[in-house]
Amino acid sequence: MTTGTNTTAAIDPEVHRVLTEKVFPRRAEIVTTAELATLCTAGETATQQASRH
């Protein structure tokens, strides 16, 4: 699973920090929104290329 650090929110900034720095990294790859967009675009491109073969 991949999650964006700046796509999640918590009411308490400290809760957000603990989740994104301590909890989520144990369960997911943590990336920025820009990195997530790049991953999604790369995935679409790979899928399109694979479907041509």
PDB file of N, CA and C in Angstrom:
ATOM      1  N   MET A   1       0.842  -1.153   0.000  1.00  0.00           N
ATOM      2  CA  MET A   1       0.000   0.000   0.000  1.00  0.00           C
ATOM      3  C   MET A   1       0.895   1.225   0.000  1.00  0.00           C
ATOM      4  N   THR A   2       0.429   2.268  -0.658  1.00  0.00           N
ATOM      5  CA  THR A   2       1.144   3.541  -0.693  1.00  0.00           C
ATOM      6  C   THR A   2       0.197   4.621  -0.197  1.00  0.00           C
ATOM      7  N   THR A   3       0.695   5.514   0.605  1.00  0.00           N
ATOM      8  CA  THR A   3      -0.111   6.642   1.079  1.00  0.00           C
ATOM      9  C   THR A   3       0.698   7.923   0.981  1.00  0.00           C
ATOM     10  N   GLY A   4      -0.005   9.006   0.747  1.00  0.00           N
ATOM     11  CA  GLY A   4       0.657  10.299   0.631  1.00  0.00           C
ATOM     12  C   GLY A   4       0.707  11.018   1.969  1.00  0.00           C
ATOM     13  N   THR A   5       1.858  11.561   2.294  1.00  0.00           N
ATOM     14  CA  THR A   5       1.998  12.255   3.572  1.00  0.00           C
ATOM     15  C   THR A   5       1.183  13.530   3.619  1.00  0.00           C
ATOM     16  N   ASN A   6       1.033  14.185   2.491  1.00  0.00           N
ATOM     17  CA  ASN A   6       0.282  15.429   2.481  1.00  0.00           C
ATOM     18  C   ASN A   6      -1.128  15.253   1.923  1.00  0.00           C
ATOM     19  N   THR A   7      -1.617  14.024   1.921  1.00  0.00           N
ATOM     20  CA  THR A   7      -2.992  13.753   1.488  1.00  0.00           C
ATOM     21  C   THR A   7      -3.848  13.276   2.648  1.00  0.00           C
ATOM     22  N   THR A   8      -3.261  13.154   3.806  1.00  0.00           N
ATOM     23  CA  THR A   8      -3.989  12.702   4.980  1.00  0.00           C
ATOM     24  C   THR A   8      -4.040  13.840   5.991  1.00  0.00           C
ATOM     25  N   ALA A   9      -5.058  13.818   6.823  1.00  0.00           N
ATOM     26  CA  ALA A   9      -5.187  14.878   7.819  1.00  0.00           C
ATOM     27  C   ALA A   9      -5.696  14.293   9.130  1.00  0.00           C
ATOM     28  N   ALA A  10      -5.313  14.924  10.189  1.00  0.00           N
ATOM     29  CA  ALA A  10      -5.807  14.581  11.516  1.00  0.00           C
ATOM     30  C   ALA A  10      -6.153  15.884  12.217  1.00  0.00           C
ATOM     31  N   ILE A  11      -7.089  15.822  13.120  1.00  0.00           N
ATOM     32  CA  ILE A  11      -7.490  17.023  13.847  1.00  0.00           C
ATOM     33  C   ILE A  11      -6.308  17.586  14.632  1.00  0.00           C
ATOM     34  N   ASP A  12      -5.524  16.705  15.197  1.00  0.00           N
ATOM     35  CA  ASP A  12      -4.375  17.108  16.012  1.00  0.00           C
ATOM     36  C   ASP A  12      -3.097  16.928  15.187  1.00  0.00           C
ATOM     37  N   PRO A  13      -2.323  17.992  14.983  1.00  0.00           N
ATOM     38  CA  PRO A  13      -1.081  17.883  14.199  1.00  0.00           C
ATOM     39  C   PRO A  13      -0.119  16.825  14.742  1.00  0.00           C
ATOM     40  N   GLU A  14      -0.095  16.625  16.053  1.00  0.00           N
ATOM     41  CA  GLU A  14       0.795  15.617  16.633  1.00  0.00           C
ATOM     42  C   GLU A  14       0.337  14.209  16.244  1.00  0.00           C
ATOM     43  N   VAL A  15      -0.966  13.991  16.196  1.00  0.00           N
ATOM     44  CA  VAL A  15      -1.493  12.695  15.749  1.00  0.00           C
ATOM     45  C   VAL A  15      -1.089  12.459  14.301  1.00  0.00           C
ATOM     46  N   HIS A  16      -1.216  13.477  13.474  1.00  0.00           N
ATOM     47  CA  HIS A  16      -0.825  13.374  12.063  1.00  0.00           C
ATOM     48  C   HIS A  16       0.656  13.004  11.945  1.00  0.00           C
ATOM     49  N   ARG A  17       1.492  13.687  12.722  1.00  0.00           N
ATOM     50  CA  ARG A  17       2.930  13.414  12.680  1.00  0.00           C
ATOM     51  C   ARG A  17       3.229  11.976  13.089  1.00  0.00           C
ATOM     52  N   VAL A  18       2.634  11.523  14.167  1.00  0.00           N
ATOM     53  CA  VAL A  18       2.883  10.152  14.640  1.00  0.00           C
ATOM     54  C   VAL A  18       2.410   9.140  13.596  1.00  0.00           C
ATOM     55  N   LEU A  19       1.243   9.375  13.021  1.00  0.00           N
ATOM     56  CA  LEU A  19       0.741   8.445  12.003  1.00  0.00           C
ATOM     57  C   LEU A  19       1.660   8.391  10.788  1.00  0.00           C
ATOM     58  N   THR A  20       2.043   9.555  10.259  1.00  0.00           N
ATOM     59  CA  THR A  20       2.839   9.576   9.025  1.00  0.00           C
ATOM     60  C   THR A  20       4.300   9.224   9.233  1.00  0.00           C
ATOM     61  N   GLU A  21       4.805   9.420  10.446  1.00  0.00           N
ATOM     62  CA  GLU A  21       6.223   9.122  10.694  1.00  0.00           C
ATOM     63  C   GLU A  21       6.461   7.792  11.392  1.00  0.00           C
ATOM     64  N   LYS A  22       5.485   7.311  12.135  1.00  0.00           N
ATOM     65  CA  LYS A  22       5.694   6.099  12.939  1.00  0.00           C
ATOM     66  C   LYS A  22       4.817   4.926  12.515  1.00  0.00           C
ATOM     67  N   VAL A  23       3.524   5.167  12.347  1.00  0.00           N
ATOM     68  CA  VAL A  23       2.573   4.068  12.108  1.00  0.00           C
ATOM     69  C   VAL A  23       2.540   3.665  10.636  1.00  0.00           C
ATOM     70  N   PHE A  24       2.238   4.609   9.765  1.00  0.00           N
ATOM     71  CA  PHE A  24       2.090   4.287   8.344  1.00  0.00           C
ATOM     72  C   PHE A  24       3.329   3.651   7.723  1.00  0.00           C
ATOM     73  N   PRO A  25       4.542   4.117   8.038  1.00  0.00           N
ATOM     74  CA  PRO A  25       5.724   3.507   7.417  1.00  0.00           C
ATOM     75  C   PRO A  25       5.868   2.011   7.719  1.00  0.00           C
ATOM     76  N   ARG A  26       5.264   1.539   8.778  1.00  0.00           N
ATOM     77  CA  ARG A  26       5.316   0.105   9.092  1.00  0.00           C
ATOM     78  C   ARG A  26       4.405  -0.705   8.184  1.00  0.00           C
ATOM     79  N   ARG A  27       3.417  -0.050   7.609  1.00  0.00           N
ATOM     80  CA  ARG A  27       2.399  -0.742   6.819  1.00  0.00           C
ATOM     81  C   ARG A  27       2.356  -0.338   5.349  1.00  0.00           C
ATOM     82  N   ALA A  28       2.982   0.787   5.011  1.00  0.00           N
ATOM     83  CA  ALA A  28       2.842   1.314   3.655  1.00  0.00           C
ATOM     84  C   ALA A  28       4.087   2.085   3.253  1.00  0.00           C
ATOM     85  N   GLU A  29       4.194   2.312   1.968  1.00  0.00           N
ATOM     86  CA  GLU A  29       5.235   3.201   1.439  1.00  0.00           C
ATOM     87  C   GLU A  29       4.688   4.615   1.559  1.00  0.00           C
ATOM     88  N   ILE A  30       5.445   5.504   2.129  1.00  0.00           N
ATOM     89  CA  ILE A  30       5.010   6.877   2.336  1.00  0.00           C
ATOM     90  C   ILE A  30       5.650   7.760   1.272  1.00  0.00           C
ATOM     91  N   VAL A  31       4.811   8.496   0.541  1.00  0.00           N
ATOM     92  CA  VAL A  31       5.295   9.367  -0.530  1.00  0.00           C
ATOM     93  C   VAL A  31       4.532  10.690  -0.482  1.00  0.00           C
ATOM     94  N   THR A  32       5.026  11.667  -1.216  1.00  0.00           N
ATOM     95  CA  THR A  32       4.307  12.936  -1.353  1.00  0.00           C
ATOM     96  C   THR A  32       3.241  12.775  -2.435  1.00  0.00           C
ATOM     97  N   THR A  33       2.354  13.738  -2.524  1.00  0.00           N
ATOM     98  CA  THR A  33       1.324  13.712  -3.560  1.00  0.00           C
ATOM     99  C   THR A  33       1.951  13.694  -4.950  1.00  0.00           C
ATOM    100  N   ALA A  34       2.997  14.470  -5.152  1.00  0.00           N
ATOM    101  CA  ALA A  34       3.672  14.505  -6.457  1.00  0.00           C
ATOM    102  C   ALA A  34       4.265  13.144  -6.801  1.00  0.00           C
ATOM    103  N   GLU A  35       4.884  12.494  -5.821  1.00  0.00           N
ATOM    104  CA  GLU A  35       5.445  11.158  -6.061  1.00  0.00           C
ATOM    105  C   GLU A  35       4.336  10.146  -6.355  1.00  0.00           C
ATOM    106  N   LEU A  36       3.217  10.272  -5.655  1.00  0.00           N
ATOM    107  CA  LEU A  36       2.088   9.368  -5.877  1.00  0.00           C
ATOM    108  C   LEU A  36       1.531   9.535  -7.288  1.00  0.00           C
ATOM    109  N   ALA A  37       1.431  10.776  -7.745  1.00  0.00           N
ATOM    110  CA  ALA A  37       0.959  11.036  -9.108  1.00  0.00           C
ATOM    111  C   ALA A  37       1.901  10.416 -10.130  1.00  0.00           C
ATOM    112  N   THR A  38       3.196  10.518  -9.907  1.00  0.00           N
ATOM    113  CA  THR A  38       4.182   9.918 -10.801  1.00  0.00           C
ATOM    114  C   THR A  38       4.048   8.401 -10.824  1.00  0.00           C
ATOM    115  N   LEU A  39       3.846   7.799  -9.649  1.00  0.00           N
ATOM    116  CA  LEU A  39       3.667   6.346  -9.573  1.00  0.00           C
ATOM    117  C   LEU A  39       2.426   5.906 -10.349  1.00  0.00           C
ATOM    118  N   CYS A  40       1.344   6.657 -10.190  1.00  0.00           N
ATOM    119  CA  CYS A  40       0.098   6.312 -10.886  1.00  0.00           C
ATOM    120  C   CYS A  40       0.260   6.435 -12.387  1.00  0.00           C
ATOM    121  N   THR A  41       0.913   7.496 -12.831  1.00  0.00           N
ATOM    122  CA  THR A  41       1.148   7.697 -14.265  1.00  0.00           C
ATOM    123  C   THR A  41       2.041   6.594 -14.817  1.00  0.00           C
ATOM    124  N   ALA A  42       3.076   6.240 -14.084  1.00  0.00           N
ATOM    125  CA  ALA A  42       3.985   5.173 -14.519  1.00  0.00           C
ATOM    126  C   ALA A  42       3.237   3.853 -14.592  1.00  0.00           C
ATOM    127  N   GLY A  43       2.362   3.594 -13.646  1.00  0.00           N
ATOM    128  CA  GLY A  43       1.578   2.360 -13.648  1.00  0.00           C
ATOM    129  C   GLY A  43       0.644   2.288 -14.844  1.00  0.00           C
ATOM    130  N   GLU A  44       0.006   3.408 -15.166  1.00  0.00           N
ATOM    131  CA  GLU A  44      -0.885   3.447 -16.325  1.00  0.00           C
ATOM    132  C   GLU A  44      -0.104   3.195 -17.602  1.00  0.00           C
ATOM    133  N   THR A  45       1.066   3.801 -17.717  1.00  0.00           N
ATOM    134  CA  THR A  45       1.899   3.639 -18.908  1.00  0.00           C
ATOM    135  C   THR A  45       2.332   2.185 -19.054  1.00  0.00           C
ATOM    136  N   ALA A  46       2.740   1.555 -17.968  1.00  0.00           N
ATOM    137  CA  ALA A  46       3.167   0.158 -18.025  1.00  0.00           C
ATOM    138  C   ALA A  46       1.993  -0.739 -18.408  1.00  0.00           C
ATOM    139  N   THR A  47       0.823  -0.464 -17.883  1.00  0.00           N
ATOM    140  CA  THR A  47      -0.355  -1.259 -18.214  1.00  0.00           C
ATOM    141  C   THR A  47      -0.717  -1.103 -19.683  1.00  0.00           C
ATOM    142  N   GLN A  48      -0.648   0.126 -20.200  1.00  0.00           N
ATOM    143  CA  GLN A  48      -0.950   0.361 -21.606  1.00  0.00           C
ATOM    144  C   GLN A  48       0.047  -0.361 -22.508  1.00  0.00           C
ATOM    145  N   GLN A  49       1.314  -0.318 -22.163  1.00  0.00           N
ATOM    146  CA  GLN A  49       2.329  -0.983 -22.971  1.00  0.00           C
ATOM    147  C   GLN A  49       2.140  -2.485 -22.936  1.00  0.00           C
ATOM    148  N   ALA A  50       1.802  -3.044 -21.794  1.00  0.00           N
ATOM    149  CA  ALA A  50       1.610  -4.486 -21.667  1.00  0.00           C
ATOM    150  C   ALA A  50       0.399  -4.942 -22.476  1.00  0.00           C
ATOM    151  N   SER A  51      -0.620  -4.114 -22.548  1.00  0.00           N
ATOM    152  CA  SER A  51      -1.826  -4.515 -23.285  1.00  0.00           C
ATOM    153  C   SER A  51      -1.607  -4.511 -24.797  1.00  0.00           C
ATOM    154  N   ARG A  52      -0.584  -3.825 -25.270  1.00  0.00           N
ATOM    155  CA  ARG A  52      -0.276  -3.803 -26.702  1.00  0.00           C
ATOM    156  C   ARG A  52       0.421  -5.069 -27.172  1.00  0.00           C
ATOM    157  N   HIS A  53       1.024  -5.808 -26.218  1.00  0.00           N
ATOM    158  CA  HIS A  53       1.809  -6.997 -26.599  1.00  0.00           C
ATOM    159  C   HIS A  53       0.991  -8.234 -26.475  1.00  0.00           C
TER     160      HIS A  53
END
